[in-house]
Amino acid sequence: MERYFGTVVRGIRTPIVKEGDNLSDIVFDSVVKAVESQNIKLVDKDVVAITESLLARAQGNYVSTDNIAQDVREKFDGEIGLVFPILSRNRFSTLLRGIAKSGRKLHILLSYPSDEVGNHLMDEKALYDKHINPYSDVLEESDYRKLFGEEVKHEFTGIDYVSLYKEIAPNSEIHFSNDPKAILKYTKDVLVCSIHTRELVKQELKDSGANLVYGLDDIMNESIDGSGYNSEYGLLGSNLSDEETVKLFPRDAQPFVEELQKKFNEYSGNNIEVMVYGDGAFKDPVGKIWELADPVVSPGHTKGLIGTPNELKIKYIADTELKGLSGEEASEAMREKINNKDANLVGKNETLGTTPRRLTDLLGSLCDLTSGSGDKGTPVILIQGYFDNYATK
């Protein structure tokens, strides 16, 4: 039978999940109710994806600013340099509140013109017009205000992040540089706050004479007084819960997806893939924000989601090998080529223009865009047909 649909993505509504809930049962029941209500059959290689916040909430994986302050006090005795935190009320403001509660004087080093994930402190053209070299120039807060004004608001949030961070941490000085080693002028004890560059930044600082070097992944990687924790990522991937509490990235995502896969496989008689997803990995070309503020897109996924796509580029083949064919003849030739493609197409011309990203990153972006970040109420995503192609009947 001819196939007229390719990939189909559906957001699945669930009850409000609370700490201690059996999330595996909730997700399974929600998906089964949804598909049975529409007479949808789960088939081989369907994907069920669950947002990381649902798992963390069910685990009760929360920490308070007091927990953070205690951990920071135990690791640092004197002034602390915070290197490359992102500009975010959701992601960093509450962490800063906890770090400031430690009572240590803080030196906050912000990268410019934007943070690691694309939130801008100033327009890049303004740097050029003012003859500022972001690759070499170190600015103090007074320089920043003199050059860019007493109120510099983020385009989308309307927040002056320099003012916000100073309000949260009055025991701080703010500096601007893209060289992490610039912090060593102020203190030798450093907390690296970047996400994806953290290991390189840590190494640079250690090689340049830093005394203590920790990352956000080293804070709250153990429980304090019964608090939540994440042994692998610490505070990375956390989100604001309220002004004094953050929800951490979930723990034990791998056993969770494997348990859930067994339930779906037994129910459907097919192999269903399962993943936990966080932020998608994509960049907004207008806002310039790179969405990925989590340490990884997927902290847990079943083995069928490991790897990268092995796809031919239909457009390239249609314009080259099939240039002289038309109609059904071209379609049949394309199906034949897909059915006989090599198991590894890396480096082949037929792949020109395909996306060389991991399956979990691609699927995570698809899920994140589908579930949204507001009130859609669909924290579970069902993806069907993702592994099909033009030759699939």
Protein backbone atom coordinates (compact mmCIF):
# COMPACT_ATOMS: atom_id res chain seq x y z
CA MET A 1 0.00 0.00 0.00
CA GLU A 2 1.32 3.46 -0.90
CA ARG A 3 2.51 5.57 2.06
CA TYR A 4 1.37 9.20 2.08
CA PHE A 5 2.66 10.24 5.51
CA GLY A 6 6.26 10.31 6.67
CA THR A 7 7.16 11.33 10.22
CA VAL A 8 4.19 12.08 12.48
CA VAL A 9 4.73 13.73 15.87
CA ARG A 10 2.10 13.90 18.60
CA GLY A 11 2.18 15.61 21.98
CA ILE A 12 0.68 13.41 24.72
CA ARG A 13 -1.14 15.00 27.64
CA THR A 14 -0.44 13.62 31.10
CA PRO A 15 -1.67 14.29 34.63
CA ILE A 16 0.33 16.80 36.71
CA VAL A 17 3.30 14.82 38.01
CA LYS A 18 4.40 15.26 41.63
CA GLU A 19 7.31 14.02 43.70
CA GLY A 20 7.04 10.32 44.44
CA ASP A 21 4.68 9.51 41.56
CA ASN A 22 5.34 6.35 39.55
CA LEU A 23 6.33 8.11 36.33
CA SER A 24 6.80 4.90 34.37
CA ASP A 25 3.16 3.96 34.96
CA ILE A 26 1.92 7.49 34.27
CA VAL A 27 3.74 7.74 30.92
CA PHE A 28 2.70 4.25 29.84
CA ASP A 29 -0.97 4.79 30.76
CA SER A 30 -1.05 8.24 29.12
CA VAL A 31 0.37 7.00 25.82
CA VAL A 32 -1.85 3.92 25.73
CA LYS A 33 -4.99 5.98 26.42
CA ALA A 34 -4.01 8.48 23.73
CA VAL A 35 -3.30 5.96 20.98
CA GLU A 36 -6.31 3.79 21.76
CA SER A 37 -8.59 6.83 21.72
CA GLN A 38 -7.52 7.48 18.10
CA ASN A 39 -7.10 3.82 17.02
CA ILE A 40 -3.37 4.35 16.53
CA LYS A 41 -1.14 1.29 16.55
CA LEU A 42 2.36 1.39 18.00
CA VAL A 43 4.75 -0.14 15.48
CA ASP A 44 8.41 -1.06 15.34
CA LYS A 45 10.83 1.87 15.89
CA ASP A 46 8.20 4.27 17.20
CA VAL A 47 9.73 6.64 19.75
CA VAL A 48 8.26 7.69 23.09
CA ALA A 49 10.06 10.69 24.58
CA ILE A 50 9.67 12.18 28.06
CA THR A 51 10.84 15.64 29.06
CA GLU A 52 13.61 15.63 31.66
CA SER A 53 11.66 17.91 34.00
CA LEU A 54 8.97 15.27 34.45
CA LEU A 55 11.51 12.69 35.59
CA ALA A 56 13.33 15.12 37.89
CA ARG A 57 10.04 16.21 39.47
CA ALA A 58 8.94 12.63 40.10
CA GLN A 59 12.34 11.98 41.69
CA GLY A 60 12.04 15.07 43.88
CA ASN A 61 15.43 16.14 42.58
CA TYR A 62 15.45 19.65 44.04
CA VAL A 63 18.04 21.69 45.95
CA SER A 64 17.70 24.94 47.87
CA THR A 65 19.90 28.02 47.79
CA ASP A 66 20.95 27.08 51.33
CA ASN A 67 22.15 23.69 50.04
CA ILE A 68 24.12 25.42 47.29
CA ALA A 69 25.61 27.92 49.74
CA GLN A 70 26.75 25.13 52.06
CA ASP A 71 28.43 23.20 49.24
CA VAL A 72 30.18 26.36 47.99
CA ARG A 73 31.40 27.24 51.49
CA GLU A 74 32.83 23.75 51.88
CA LYS A 75 34.73 24.00 48.61
CA PHE A 76 35.92 27.63 48.70
CA ASP A 77 37.53 29.54 51.59
CA GLY A 78 38.03 32.97 49.98
CA GLU A 79 36.98 35.09 47.02
CA ILE A 80 35.51 33.18 44.08
CA GLY A 81 35.67 33.89 40.36
CA LEU A 82 32.54 32.84 38.48
CA VAL A 83 33.62 32.31 34.89
CA PHE A 84 31.17 32.55 31.98
CA PRO A 85 27.74 32.13 33.58
CA ILE A 86 24.89 32.41 31.09
CA LEU A 87 22.41 35.29 31.25
CA SER A 88 19.24 33.64 32.50
CA ARG A 89 16.66 34.12 35.23
CA ASN A 90 15.55 30.52 34.79
CA ARG A 91 18.95 28.89 34.54
CA PHE A 92 21.39 30.93 36.61
CA SER A 93 19.78 33.59 38.80
CA THR A 94 18.81 31.19 41.61
CA LEU A 95 22.18 29.46 41.41
CA LEU A 96 23.82 32.86 41.86
CA ARG A 97 21.57 33.54 44.84
CA GLY A 98 22.82 30.35 46.46
CA ILE A 99 26.47 31.03 45.62
CA ALA A 100 26.15 34.58 47.04
CA LYS A 101 24.63 33.16 50.24
CA SER A 102 27.98 31.49 50.90
CA GLY A 103 29.21 34.90 52.05
CA ARG A 104 32.22 34.78 49.74
CA LYS A 105 33.08 37.83 47.65
CA LEU A 106 32.37 37.08 44.00
CA HIS A 107 34.05 38.17 40.78
CA ILE A 108 31.68 37.45 37.89
CA LEU A 109 33.37 37.19 34.50
CA LEU A 110 30.88 37.56 31.65
CA SER A 111 31.72 36.75 28.05
CA TYR A 112 30.69 39.35 25.49
CA PRO A 113 28.94 40.37 23.26
CA SER A 114 26.93 37.25 24.21
CA ASP A 115 27.01 34.35 26.60
CA GLU A 116 27.65 30.75 25.62
CA VAL A 117 24.10 30.13 24.45
CA GLY A 118 23.64 33.37 22.53
CA ASN A 119 22.05 35.82 24.99
CA HIS A 120 23.50 39.21 24.05
CA LEU A 121 24.80 41.89 26.39
CA MET A 122 25.29 44.32 23.54
CA ASP A 123 25.04 44.48 19.77
CA GLU A 124 28.10 43.20 17.92
CA LYS A 125 28.09 46.23 15.65
CA ALA A 126 28.27 48.48 18.71
CA LEU A 127 31.57 46.81 19.62
CA TYR A 128 32.90 47.52 16.16
CA ASP A 129 31.69 51.11 16.20
CA LYS A 130 33.33 51.69 19.58
CA HIS A 131 36.60 50.02 18.48
CA ILE A 132 36.38 47.30 21.13
CA ASN A 133 38.14 44.02 20.39
CA PRO A 134 36.20 41.22 22.15
CA TYR A 135 39.11 38.84 21.59
CA SER A 136 41.53 40.87 23.69
CA ASP A 137 39.85 43.70 25.61
CA VAL A 138 38.89 43.26 29.26
CA LEU A 139 36.14 45.60 30.43
CA GLU A 140 35.14 46.55 33.95
CA GLU A 141 31.56 47.30 34.89
CA SER A 142 32.27 51.05 34.82
CA ASP A 143 33.59 50.69 31.25
CA TYR A 144 30.51 48.73 30.27
CA ARG A 145 28.15 51.39 31.60
CA LYS A 146 30.12 54.25 30.08
CA LEU A 147 30.14 52.58 26.67
CA PHE A 148 26.65 51.07 26.55
CA GLY A 149 24.52 52.96 29.02
CA GLU A 150 23.16 52.75 32.54
CA GLU A 151 20.37 50.41 31.44
CA VAL A 152 21.05 47.70 28.86
CA LYS A 153 18.04 45.42 28.46
CA HIS A 154 17.92 42.04 26.78
CA GLU A 155 15.93 42.23 23.55
CA PHE A 156 13.42 39.51 24.47
CA THR A 157 13.29 39.40 28.27
CA GLY A 158 13.61 43.14 28.90
CA ILE A 159 16.08 42.37 31.71
CA ASP A 160 19.31 44.24 32.42
CA TYR A 161 21.29 41.15 33.46
CA VAL A 162 24.26 43.05 34.85
CA SER A 163 21.94 44.95 37.20
CA LEU A 164 20.01 41.78 38.05
CA TYR A 165 23.15 39.83 38.95
CA LYS A 166 24.49 42.72 41.05
CA GLU A 167 21.15 42.92 42.86
CA ILE A 168 21.19 39.17 43.59
CA ALA A 169 24.86 39.20 44.59
CA PRO A 170 25.72 42.61 46.04
CA ASN A 171 29.00 41.08 47.28
CA SER A 172 30.22 40.88 43.66
CA GLU A 173 32.22 42.70 41.02
CA ILE A 174 31.42 42.15 37.36
CA HIS A 175 34.06 41.98 34.64
CA PHE A 176 33.85 41.31 30.90
CA SER A 177 36.27 39.19 28.87
CA ASN A 178 36.32 36.22 26.51
CA ASP A 179 39.58 34.95 27.99
CA PRO A 180 38.81 32.82 31.07
CA LYS A 181 42.32 33.48 32.36
CA ALA A 182 41.36 37.12 32.90
CA ILE A 183 39.69 36.05 36.16
CA LEU A 184 43.09 35.20 37.66
CA LYS A 185 43.83 38.93 38.01
CA TYR A 186 41.14 39.02 40.73
CA THR A 187 41.25 35.59 42.35
CA LYS A 188 42.94 32.20 41.91
CA ASP A 189 39.89 30.25 43.10
CA VAL A 190 37.41 29.72 40.29
CA LEU A 191 33.96 28.23 39.71
CA VAL A 192 33.54 27.57 35.98
CA CYS A 193 29.90 28.25 35.08
CA SER A 194 29.92 27.52 31.35
CA ILE A 195 28.13 24.44 30.08
CA HIS A 196 29.63 23.01 26.91
CA THR A 197 33.09 24.59 27.19
CA ARG A 198 33.58 23.75 30.86
CA GLU A 199 36.28 21.08 30.51
CA LEU A 200 38.48 23.22 28.25
CA VAL A 201 38.02 26.28 30.48
CA LYS A 202 38.92 24.25 33.57
CA GLN A 203 42.09 23.00 31.90
CA GLU A 204 43.11 26.48 30.74
CA LEU A 205 42.75 27.84 34.25
CA LYS A 206 44.66 25.00 35.87
CA ASP A 207 47.48 25.35 33.35
CA SER A 208 47.61 29.09 34.02
CA GLY A 209 48.13 28.86 37.76
CA ALA A 210 44.64 28.77 39.25
CA ASN A 211 44.52 27.45 42.79
CA LEU A 212 41.04 25.87 43.06
CA VAL A 213 39.01 25.07 39.94
CA TYR A 214 35.51 23.64 40.14
CA GLY A 215 32.59 23.66 37.71
CA LEU A 216 28.85 23.84 38.25
CA ASP A 217 28.95 20.10 37.63
CA ASP A 218 30.99 19.80 40.85
CA ILE A 219 28.40 21.62 42.98
CA MET A 220 25.51 19.55 44.41
CA ASN A 221 26.88 16.32 42.97
CA GLU A 222 26.15 14.76 46.37
CA SER A 223 23.12 15.13 48.62
CA ILE A 224 23.27 17.65 51.45
CA ASP A 225 20.92 16.98 54.37
CA GLY A 226 18.65 14.83 52.19
CA SER A 227 18.55 17.24 49.24
CA GLY A 228 18.50 16.26 45.62
CA TYR A 229 21.75 15.88 43.70
CA ASN A 230 23.17 14.83 40.37
CA SER A 231 26.44 12.91 40.60
CA GLU A 232 27.32 13.51 36.93
CA TYR A 233 26.09 17.04 36.22
CA GLY A 234 25.70 18.76 39.59
CA LEU A 235 23.92 22.07 39.00
CA LEU A 236 24.20 21.86 35.23
CA GLY A 237 20.82 21.51 33.56
CA SER A 238 18.97 22.91 36.56
CA ASN A 239 15.89 25.11 36.26
CA LEU A 240 14.29 27.62 38.61
CA SER A 241 11.53 26.14 40.75
CA ASP A 242 11.09 29.22 42.90
CA GLU A 243 13.43 32.00 44.07
CA GLU A 244 15.02 29.73 46.66
CA THR A 245 14.87 26.35 44.91
CA VAL A 246 16.04 24.77 41.67
CA LYS A 247 15.10 21.49 40.01
CA LEU A 248 18.19 19.57 38.97
CA PHE A 249 18.74 17.53 35.82
CA PRO A 250 17.28 14.06 36.48
CA ARG A 251 19.22 11.11 37.81
CA ASP A 252 19.03 7.48 36.64
CA ALA A 253 17.46 8.29 33.28
CA GLN A 254 18.92 5.15 31.67
CA PRO A 255 17.22 2.54 33.89
CA PHE A 256 14.00 4.57 33.59
CA VAL A 257 13.91 4.40 29.77
CA GLU A 258 14.82 0.73 29.76
CA GLU A 259 12.02 -0.11 32.20
CA LEU A 260 9.52 1.89 30.14
CA GLN A 261 10.67 0.26 26.89
CA LYS A 262 9.85 -3.18 28.31
CA LYS A 263 6.29 -2.08 29.09
CA PHE A 264 5.71 -0.67 25.62
CA ASN A 265 7.29 -3.68 23.91
CA GLU A 266 5.05 -6.05 25.84
CA TYR A 267 1.98 -3.96 25.07
CA SER A 268 2.65 -3.52 21.35
CA GLY A 269 4.58 -6.65 20.42
CA ASN A 270 7.09 -4.35 18.71
CA ASN A 271 10.36 -2.68 19.60
CA ILE A 272 9.57 0.82 20.87
CA GLU A 273 12.42 3.24 21.50
CA VAL A 274 12.30 5.50 24.56
CA MET A 275 14.28 8.62 25.46
CA VAL A 276 14.39 11.40 28.04
CA TYR A 277 14.95 14.80 26.43
CA GLY A 278 15.86 18.27 27.62
CA ASP A 279 16.61 21.34 25.56
CA GLY A 280 16.69 20.93 21.81
CA ALA A 281 19.95 21.77 20.07
CA PHE A 282 19.08 24.52 17.61
CA LYS A 283 19.80 28.22 17.11
CA ASP A 284 17.27 31.00 16.58
CA PRO A 285 18.55 33.02 13.61
CA VAL A 286 16.77 36.18 14.76
CA GLY A 287 17.22 36.10 18.52
CA LYS A 288 20.62 34.41 18.07
CA ILE A 289 19.94 32.17 21.06
CA TRP A 290 21.29 28.63 20.90
CA GLU A 291 18.62 26.69 22.78
CA LEU A 292 20.85 24.07 24.40
CA ALA A 293 21.36 25.16 28.03
CA ASP A 294 21.29 21.56 29.29
CA PRO A 295 24.58 19.63 29.44
CA VAL A 296 23.19 17.08 26.95
CA VAL A 297 20.01 16.82 24.91
CA SER A 298 19.21 13.31 26.13
CA PRO A 299 20.49 11.99 29.47
CA GLY A 300 18.94 8.57 28.82
CA HIS A 301 17.83 6.67 25.72
CA THR A 302 17.41 3.09 24.53
CA LYS A 303 20.12 1.59 22.34
CA GLY A 304 18.21 1.90 19.07
CA LEU A 305 18.65 5.68 19.29
CA ILE A 306 22.44 5.56 19.39
CA GLY A 307 24.23 6.82 16.28
CA THR A 308 23.60 9.21 13.42
CA PRO A 309 21.29 9.05 10.38
CA ASN A 310 22.56 7.14 7.35
CA GLU A 311 20.60 8.96 4.65
CA LEU A 312 20.86 9.80 0.99
CA LYS A 313 20.08 13.34 -0.16
CA ILE A 314 17.07 12.98 -2.45
CA LYS A 315 17.50 16.47 -3.87
CA TYR A 316 21.12 15.80 -4.88
CA ILE A 317 20.32 12.46 -6.52
CA ALA A 318 17.26 13.87 -8.31
CA ASP A 319 19.37 16.66 -9.81
CA THR A 320 22.25 14.38 -10.84
CA GLU A 321 21.71 10.64 -11.36
CA LEU A 322 17.97 10.93 -12.03
CA LYS A 323 18.13 14.13 -14.04
CA GLY A 324 16.87 12.49 -17.23
CA LEU A 325 14.00 10.61 -15.59
CA SER A 326 10.56 11.85 -14.64
CA GLY A 327 7.36 10.73 -12.94
CA GLU A 328 7.06 7.21 -11.59
CA GLU A 329 10.27 6.14 -13.34
CA ALA A 330 12.27 8.62 -11.25
CA SER A 331 10.39 7.65 -8.08
CA GLU A 332 11.05 3.96 -8.60
CA ALA A 333 14.72 4.58 -9.34
CA MET A 334 15.01 6.59 -6.14
CA ARG A 335 13.39 3.84 -4.08
CA GLU A 336 15.76 1.30 -5.61
CA LYS A 337 18.78 3.42 -4.75
CA ILE A 338 17.60 3.89 -1.16
CA ASN A 339 16.95 0.18 -0.72
CA ASN A 340 20.49 -0.60 -1.90
CA LYS A 341 22.40 2.20 -0.18
CA ASP A 342 25.62 1.40 1.66
CA ALA A 343 25.49 0.74 5.37
CA ASN A 344 27.93 3.63 5.91
CA LEU A 345 27.52 6.66 3.65
CA VAL A 346 30.00 8.94 5.43
CA GLY A 347 31.91 11.02 2.90
CA LYS A 348 29.80 9.98 -0.10
CA ASN A 349 28.51 12.66 -2.50
CA GLU A 350 25.01 11.22 -2.19
CA THR A 351 24.85 12.58 1.37
CA LEU A 352 25.66 16.20 0.48
CA GLY A 353 23.31 18.46 2.45
CA THR A 354 22.20 15.88 5.02
CA THR A 355 22.45 16.75 8.72
CA PRO A 356 25.40 15.05 10.49
CA ARG A 357 23.95 15.10 14.01
CA ARG A 358 23.24 12.39 16.54
CA LEU A 359 19.79 10.85 16.42
CA THR A 360 19.10 11.87 20.03
CA ASP A 361 19.96 15.50 19.25
CA LEU A 362 17.69 15.57 16.22
CA LEU A 363 14.84 13.83 18.03
CA GLY A 364 15.34 15.99 21.11
CA SER A 365 15.00 19.17 19.06
CA LEU A 366 11.83 17.79 17.46
CA CYS A 367 10.41 16.91 20.88
CA ASP A 368 11.36 20.22 22.47
CA LEU A 369 9.66 22.20 19.72
CA THR A 370 6.57 20.01 19.98
CA SER A 371 6.15 20.09 23.74
CA GLY A 372 7.05 23.77 24.03
CA SER A 373 8.01 25.42 27.30
CA GLY A 374 4.69 26.85 28.41
CA ASP A 375 1.17 25.55 28.92
CA LYS A 376 0.69 23.00 26.14
CA GLY A 377 0.56 20.23 28.74
CA THR A 378 2.22 17.63 26.52
CA PRO A 379 5.47 16.61 28.25
CA VAL A 380 5.45 13.22 26.52
CA ILE A 381 5.94 12.95 22.76
CA LEU A 382 5.08 10.07 20.42
CA ILE A 383 7.06 10.01 17.17
CA GLN A 384 6.08 7.61 14.41
CA GLY A 385 7.72 7.05 11.05
CA TYR A 386 10.98 8.81 11.91
CA PHE A 387 13.07 5.87 10.74
CA ASP A 388 11.04 5.33 7.57
CA ASN A 389 12.22 6.66 4.21
CA TYR A 390 10.92 7.27 0.71
CA ALA A 391 11.17 3.56 -0.09
CA THR A 392 9.17 2.40 2.93
CA LYS A 393 5.83 0.86 1.99
